[in-house]
């Protein structure tokens, strides 16, 4: 039964070639928005807080600061509206889920860049 579920997930899900990214990385996500009959592309640039799930249900959470307010958005990896993901900076963090990043402000909220 598990093989059947894996087969369906692999066949139905649309594979897109995104760069490999993880928690602490700064990325820009371009996604399509439909307003009535018009469609436009909008981007969301921020730090990856976590990657969660696997296969067709995999998601990632991005956090950015809009003024003094933190904004988080959850994107499914297999969302049809996702157009592309750009990796802007690799971050050096020691955890897979950096929830502590939500409480940090100012200089403490900086993430060091990881060497390539």
N, C-alpha and C. Protein backbone atom coordinates (compact mmCIF):
# COMPACT_ATOMS: atom_id res chain seq x y z
N UNK A 1 0.82 -1.20 0.00
CA UNK A 1 0.00 0.00 0.00
C UNK A 1 0.86 1.26 0.00
N UNK A 2 1.95 1.22 0.75
CA UNK A 2 2.84 2.39 0.80
C UNK A 2 3.47 2.66 -0.55
N UNK A 3 3.77 1.59 -1.30
CA UNK A 3 4.34 1.78 -2.63
C UNK A 3 3.35 2.47 -3.56
N UNK A 4 2.08 2.16 -3.43
CA UNK A 4 1.05 2.78 -4.25
C UNK A 4 0.94 4.27 -3.94
N UNK A 5 0.99 4.63 -2.66
CA UNK A 5 0.93 6.04 -2.26
C UNK A 5 2.13 6.80 -2.79
N UNK A 6 3.32 6.21 -2.68
CA UNK A 6 4.52 6.86 -3.20
C UNK A 6 4.44 7.03 -4.71
N UNK A 7 3.92 6.04 -5.41
CA UNK A 7 3.79 6.12 -6.86
C UNK A 7 2.86 7.26 -7.27
N UNK A 8 1.72 7.37 -6.61
CA UNK A 8 0.76 8.43 -6.92
C UNK A 8 1.35 9.80 -6.61
N UNK A 9 2.04 9.95 -5.49
CA UNK A 9 2.68 11.22 -5.14
C UNK A 9 3.71 11.63 -6.17
N UNK A 10 4.49 10.69 -6.65
CA UNK A 10 5.53 11.01 -7.62
C UNK A 10 4.95 11.34 -8.99
N UNK A 11 3.87 10.69 -9.36
CA UNK A 11 3.28 10.92 -10.69
C UNK A 11 2.47 12.20 -10.74
N UNK A 12 1.71 12.49 -9.69
CA UNK A 12 0.81 13.64 -9.72
C UNK A 12 1.55 14.94 -9.44
N UNK A 13 2.48 14.93 -8.50
CA UNK A 13 3.15 16.17 -8.12
C UNK A 13 4.03 16.67 -9.27
N UNK A 14 3.97 18.00 -9.47
CA UNK A 14 4.77 18.60 -10.52
C UNK A 14 6.13 18.95 -9.94
N UNK A 15 7.16 18.37 -10.49
CA UNK A 15 8.52 18.61 -10.02
C UNK A 15 9.07 19.87 -10.66
N UNK A 16 9.54 20.78 -9.85
CA UNK A 16 10.17 21.99 -10.33
C UNK A 16 11.61 21.98 -9.85
N UNK A 17 12.48 22.53 -10.63
CA UNK A 17 13.90 22.54 -10.27
C UNK A 17 14.20 23.77 -9.44
N UNK A 18 14.09 23.62 -8.13
CA UNK A 18 14.41 24.69 -7.20
C UNK A 18 15.80 24.44 -6.65
N UNK A 19 16.51 25.50 -6.27
CA UNK A 19 17.82 25.27 -5.64
C UNK A 19 17.64 24.62 -4.28
N UNK A 20 18.68 23.98 -3.82
CA UNK A 20 18.65 23.35 -2.50
C UNK A 20 18.81 24.44 -1.45
N UNK A 21 17.84 24.54 -0.55
CA UNK A 21 17.90 25.55 0.50
C UNK A 21 17.37 24.95 1.79
N UNK A 22 17.73 25.59 2.89
CA UNK A 22 17.31 25.11 4.20
C UNK A 22 17.11 26.27 5.15
N UNK A 23 16.99 25.96 6.42
CA UNK A 23 16.75 26.99 7.43
C UNK A 23 17.93 27.95 7.50
N UNK A 24 17.63 29.23 7.62
CA UNK A 24 18.65 30.25 7.70
C UNK A 24 19.01 30.89 6.37
N UNK A 25 18.63 30.26 5.27
CA UNK A 25 18.93 30.81 3.95
C UNK A 25 17.95 31.93 3.61
N UNK A 26 18.44 32.94 2.91
CA UNK A 26 17.59 34.02 2.43
C UNK A 26 17.23 33.72 0.99
N UNK A 27 15.93 33.63 0.71
CA UNK A 27 15.48 33.30 -0.64
C UNK A 27 14.42 34.30 -1.10
N UNK A 28 14.23 34.34 -2.41
CA UNK A 28 13.15 35.11 -3.01
C UNK A 28 12.25 34.13 -3.75
N UNK A 29 10.97 34.15 -3.41
CA UNK A 29 9.99 33.27 -4.04
C UNK A 29 9.11 34.10 -4.96
N UNK A 30 9.04 33.72 -6.22
CA UNK A 30 8.16 34.38 -7.19
C UNK A 30 6.94 33.50 -7.39
N UNK A 31 5.76 34.07 -7.19
CA UNK A 31 4.53 33.30 -7.33
C UNK A 31 3.49 34.13 -8.06
N UNK A 32 2.55 33.44 -8.65
CA UNK A 32 1.52 34.05 -9.49
C UNK A 32 0.28 34.35 -8.66
N UNK A 33 -0.28 35.55 -8.87
CA UNK A 33 -1.51 35.94 -8.19
C UNK A 33 -2.55 36.23 -9.24
N UNK A 34 -3.75 35.70 -9.05
CA UNK A 34 -4.85 35.94 -9.97
C UNK A 34 -5.81 36.93 -9.35
N UNK A 35 -6.05 38.02 -10.04
CA UNK A 35 -7.01 39.03 -9.60
C UNK A 35 -8.04 39.18 -10.70
N UNK A 36 -9.17 38.53 -10.51
CA UNK A 36 -10.18 38.52 -11.56
C UNK A 36 -9.68 37.67 -12.72
N UNK A 37 -9.54 38.28 -13.89
CA UNK A 37 -9.03 37.56 -15.05
C UNK A 37 -7.55 37.83 -15.29
N UNK A 38 -7.01 38.81 -14.57
CA UNK A 38 -5.60 39.16 -14.75
C UNK A 38 -4.73 38.34 -13.81
N UNK A 39 -3.52 38.06 -14.26
CA UNK A 39 -2.54 37.40 -13.41
C UNK A 39 -1.28 38.25 -13.38
N UNK A 40 -0.66 38.28 -12.22
CA UNK A 40 0.60 39.01 -12.09
C UNK A 40 1.54 38.21 -11.19
N UNK A 41 2.81 38.54 -11.30
CA UNK A 41 3.82 37.85 -10.50
C UNK A 41 4.22 38.73 -9.33
N UNK A 42 4.24 38.15 -8.15
CA UNK A 42 4.63 38.86 -6.95
C UNK A 42 5.77 38.08 -6.30
N UNK A 43 6.64 38.77 -5.61
CA UNK A 43 7.74 38.07 -4.95
C UNK A 43 7.69 38.29 -3.44
N UNK A 44 8.28 37.36 -2.73
CA UNK A 44 8.35 37.39 -1.27
C UNK A 44 9.77 37.02 -0.90
N UNK A 45 10.51 37.96 -0.33
CA UNK A 45 11.91 37.73 0.01
C UNK A 45 12.06 37.71 1.52
N UNK A 46 12.68 36.65 2.04
CA UNK A 46 12.87 36.55 3.47
C UNK A 46 13.75 35.38 3.84
N UNK A 47 13.82 35.11 5.13
CA UNK A 47 14.65 34.05 5.68
C UNK A 47 13.80 32.80 5.87
N UNK A 48 14.34 31.65 5.49
CA UNK A 48 13.64 30.39 5.66
C UNK A 48 13.69 30.00 7.13
N UNK A 49 12.51 29.85 7.73
CA UNK A 49 12.41 29.45 9.13
C UNK A 49 12.48 27.93 9.26
N UNK A 50 11.82 27.22 8.34
CA UNK A 50 11.78 25.77 8.42
C UNK A 50 11.38 25.17 7.08
N UNK A 51 11.72 23.91 6.90
CA UNK A 51 11.17 23.05 5.84
C UNK A 51 10.50 21.90 6.55
N UNK A 52 9.32 21.55 6.10
CA UNK A 52 8.51 20.58 6.83
C UNK A 52 7.85 19.61 5.85
N UNK A 53 7.73 18.36 6.23
CA UNK A 53 7.04 17.37 5.41
C UNK A 53 7.95 16.75 4.38
N UNK A 54 7.34 15.92 3.53
CA UNK A 54 8.10 15.28 2.46
C UNK A 54 7.15 14.93 1.34
N UNK A 55 7.70 14.76 0.16
CA UNK A 55 6.89 14.38 -1.00
C UNK A 55 5.94 15.47 -1.42
N UNK A 56 4.69 15.11 -1.64
CA UNK A 56 3.70 16.05 -2.14
C UNK A 56 3.25 17.06 -1.10
N UNK A 57 3.49 16.77 0.17
CA UNK A 57 3.02 17.65 1.24
C UNK A 57 4.12 18.51 1.84
N UNK A 58 5.25 18.62 1.17
CA UNK A 58 6.37 19.39 1.72
C UNK A 58 6.08 20.88 1.65
N UNK A 59 6.40 21.60 2.72
CA UNK A 59 6.20 23.04 2.78
C UNK A 59 7.45 23.71 3.34
N UNK A 60 7.56 25.01 3.11
CA UNK A 60 8.61 25.79 3.74
C UNK A 60 8.03 27.12 4.18
N UNK A 61 8.55 27.64 5.29
CA UNK A 61 8.06 28.88 5.89
C UNK A 61 9.13 29.95 5.74
N UNK A 62 8.70 31.13 5.28
CA UNK A 62 9.61 32.26 5.09
C UNK A 62 9.14 33.40 5.97
N UNK A 63 10.10 34.10 6.56
CA UNK A 63 9.80 35.25 7.41
C UNK A 63 10.54 36.47 6.90
N UNK A 64 9.82 37.58 6.81
CA UNK A 64 10.45 38.85 6.46
C UNK A 64 9.92 39.93 7.39
N UNK A 65 10.65 41.01 7.48
CA UNK A 65 10.23 42.15 8.28
C UNK A 65 9.64 43.20 7.34
N UNK A 66 8.42 43.60 7.61
CA UNK A 66 7.76 44.65 6.85
C UNK A 66 7.58 45.83 7.80
N UNK A 67 8.53 46.75 7.76
CA UNK A 67 8.55 47.81 8.76
C UNK A 67 8.99 47.22 10.08
N UNK A 68 8.17 47.37 11.10
CA UNK A 68 8.49 46.80 12.41
C UNK A 68 7.69 45.53 12.67
N UNK A 69 6.95 45.07 11.67
CA UNK A 69 6.08 43.91 11.83
C UNK A 69 6.67 42.73 11.07
N UNK A 70 6.76 41.59 11.74
CA UNK A 70 7.24 40.38 11.09
C UNK A 70 6.10 39.70 10.34
N UNK A 71 6.38 39.28 9.10
CA UNK A 71 5.38 38.62 8.27
C UNK A 71 5.92 37.25 7.88
N UNK A 72 5.13 36.21 8.13
CA UNK A 72 5.52 34.85 7.76
C UNK A 72 4.54 34.32 6.73
N UNK A 73 5.07 33.52 5.82
CA UNK A 73 4.22 32.92 4.80
C UNK A 73 4.67 31.49 4.59
N UNK A 74 3.72 30.60 4.47
CA UNK A 74 4.00 29.18 4.26
C UNK A 74 3.71 28.85 2.80
N UNK A 75 4.70 28.26 2.12
CA UNK A 75 4.56 27.88 0.72
C UNK A 75 4.65 26.37 0.57
N UNK A 76 3.67 25.72 -0.05
CA UNK A 76 3.85 24.32 -0.42
C UNK A 76 4.83 24.23 -1.59
N UNK A 77 5.71 23.25 -1.55
CA UNK A 77 6.71 23.10 -2.61
C UNK A 77 6.04 22.80 -3.94
N UNK A 78 4.96 22.05 -3.92
CA UNK A 78 4.29 21.65 -5.15
C UNK A 78 3.15 22.58 -5.55
N UNK A 79 3.14 23.81 -5.04
CA UNK A 79 2.09 24.76 -5.40
C UNK A 79 2.22 25.15 -6.87
N UNK A 80 1.15 25.02 -7.65
CA UNK A 80 1.24 25.34 -9.08
C UNK A 80 1.56 26.80 -9.36
N UNK A 81 1.22 27.70 -8.44
CA UNK A 81 1.45 29.12 -8.66
C UNK A 81 2.91 29.52 -8.47
N UNK A 82 3.72 28.66 -7.87
CA UNK A 82 5.14 28.98 -7.70
C UNK A 82 5.83 29.00 -9.05
N UNK A 83 6.50 30.09 -9.35
CA UNK A 83 7.20 30.18 -10.62
C UNK A 83 8.68 29.86 -10.48
N UNK A 84 9.35 30.54 -9.52
CA UNK A 84 10.76 30.22 -9.30
C UNK A 84 11.16 30.63 -7.90
N UNK A 85 12.27 30.05 -7.48
CA UNK A 85 12.85 30.34 -6.18
C UNK A 85 14.32 30.70 -6.41
N UNK A 86 14.72 31.87 -5.92
CA UNK A 86 16.11 32.30 -6.04
C UNK A 86 16.77 32.22 -4.67
N UNK A 87 17.96 31.68 -4.64
CA UNK A 87 18.72 31.61 -3.41
C UNK A 87 19.63 32.84 -3.36
N UNK A 88 19.37 33.74 -2.42
CA UNK A 88 20.13 34.99 -2.33
C UNK A 88 21.36 34.85 -1.45
N UNK A 89 21.22 34.17 -0.30
CA UNK A 89 22.32 34.06 0.64
C UNK A 89 22.15 32.79 1.46
N UNK A 90 23.23 32.09 1.67
CA UNK A 90 23.20 30.91 2.54
C UNK A 90 23.48 31.36 3.97
N UNK A 91 22.67 30.89 4.90
CA UNK A 91 22.83 31.29 6.28
C UNK A 91 23.47 30.19 7.11
N UNK A 92 24.23 30.60 8.11
CA UNK A 92 24.89 29.65 9.00
C UNK A 92 24.08 29.55 10.28
N UNK A 93 23.28 28.49 10.40
CA UNK A 93 22.50 28.23 11.61
C UNK A 93 22.75 26.80 12.05
N UNK A 94 22.44 26.52 13.31
CA UNK A 94 22.74 25.20 13.86
C UNK A 94 21.51 24.35 14.08
N UNK A 95 20.36 24.83 13.63
CA UNK A 95 19.12 24.09 13.83
C UNK A 95 18.35 24.00 12.52
N UNK A 96 17.47 23.01 12.43
CA UNK A 96 16.67 22.83 11.22
C UNK A 96 15.43 23.73 11.24
N UNK A 97 15.00 24.12 12.43
CA UNK A 97 13.84 25.00 12.56
C UNK A 97 14.22 26.13 13.51
N UNK A 98 14.29 27.33 13.00
CA UNK A 98 14.80 28.44 13.79
C UNK A 98 13.66 29.33 14.28
N UNK A 99 12.82 28.76 15.16
CA UNK A 99 11.70 29.50 15.71
C UNK A 99 12.16 30.64 16.62
N UNK A 100 13.36 30.49 17.21
CA UNK A 100 13.87 31.54 18.08
C UNK A 100 14.11 32.84 17.32
N UNK A 101 14.19 32.77 16.02
CA UNK A 101 14.43 33.94 15.16
C UNK A 101 13.28 34.94 15.24
N UNK A 102 12.10 34.48 15.63
CA UNK A 102 10.92 35.35 15.70
C UNK A 102 11.07 36.42 16.78
N UNK A 103 11.74 36.11 17.87
CA UNK A 103 11.87 37.05 18.98
C UNK A 103 13.06 37.99 18.84
N UNK A 104 13.94 37.73 17.89
CA UNK A 104 15.15 38.54 17.76
C UNK A 104 14.88 39.82 17.00
N UNK A 105 15.53 40.91 17.43
CA UNK A 105 15.41 42.18 16.74
C UNK A 105 16.79 42.82 16.62
N UNK A 106 16.94 43.75 15.71
CA UNK A 106 18.18 44.49 15.56
C UNK A 106 19.33 43.63 15.09
N UNK A 107 20.51 43.86 15.69
CA UNK A 107 21.71 43.15 15.27
C UNK A 107 21.63 41.66 15.58
N UNK A 108 20.88 41.30 16.60
CA UNK A 108 20.75 39.89 16.97
C UNK A 108 20.03 39.09 15.90
N UNK A 109 19.24 39.77 15.08
CA UNK A 109 18.46 39.08 14.05
C UNK A 109 19.26 38.84 12.77
N UNK A 110 20.54 39.18 12.78
CA UNK A 110 21.38 38.91 11.61
C UNK A 110 21.85 37.46 11.63
N UNK A 111 21.85 36.86 10.47
CA UNK A 111 22.36 35.51 10.33
C UNK A 111 23.64 35.58 9.52
N UNK A 112 24.70 34.97 10.02
CA UNK A 112 25.98 35.00 9.32
C UNK A 112 25.89 34.21 8.03
N UNK A 113 26.67 34.65 7.05
CA UNK A 113 26.68 33.96 5.76
C UNK A 113 27.61 32.74 5.84
N UNK A 114 27.14 31.65 5.27
CA UNK A 114 27.92 30.43 5.24
C UNK A 114 28.87 30.46 4.05
N UNK A 115 30.08 30.05 4.27
CA UNK A 115 31.05 30.01 3.17
C UNK A 115 30.71 28.89 2.23
N UNK A 116 31.01 29.08 0.97
CA UNK A 116 30.69 28.06 -0.04
C UNK A 116 31.82 27.11 -0.25
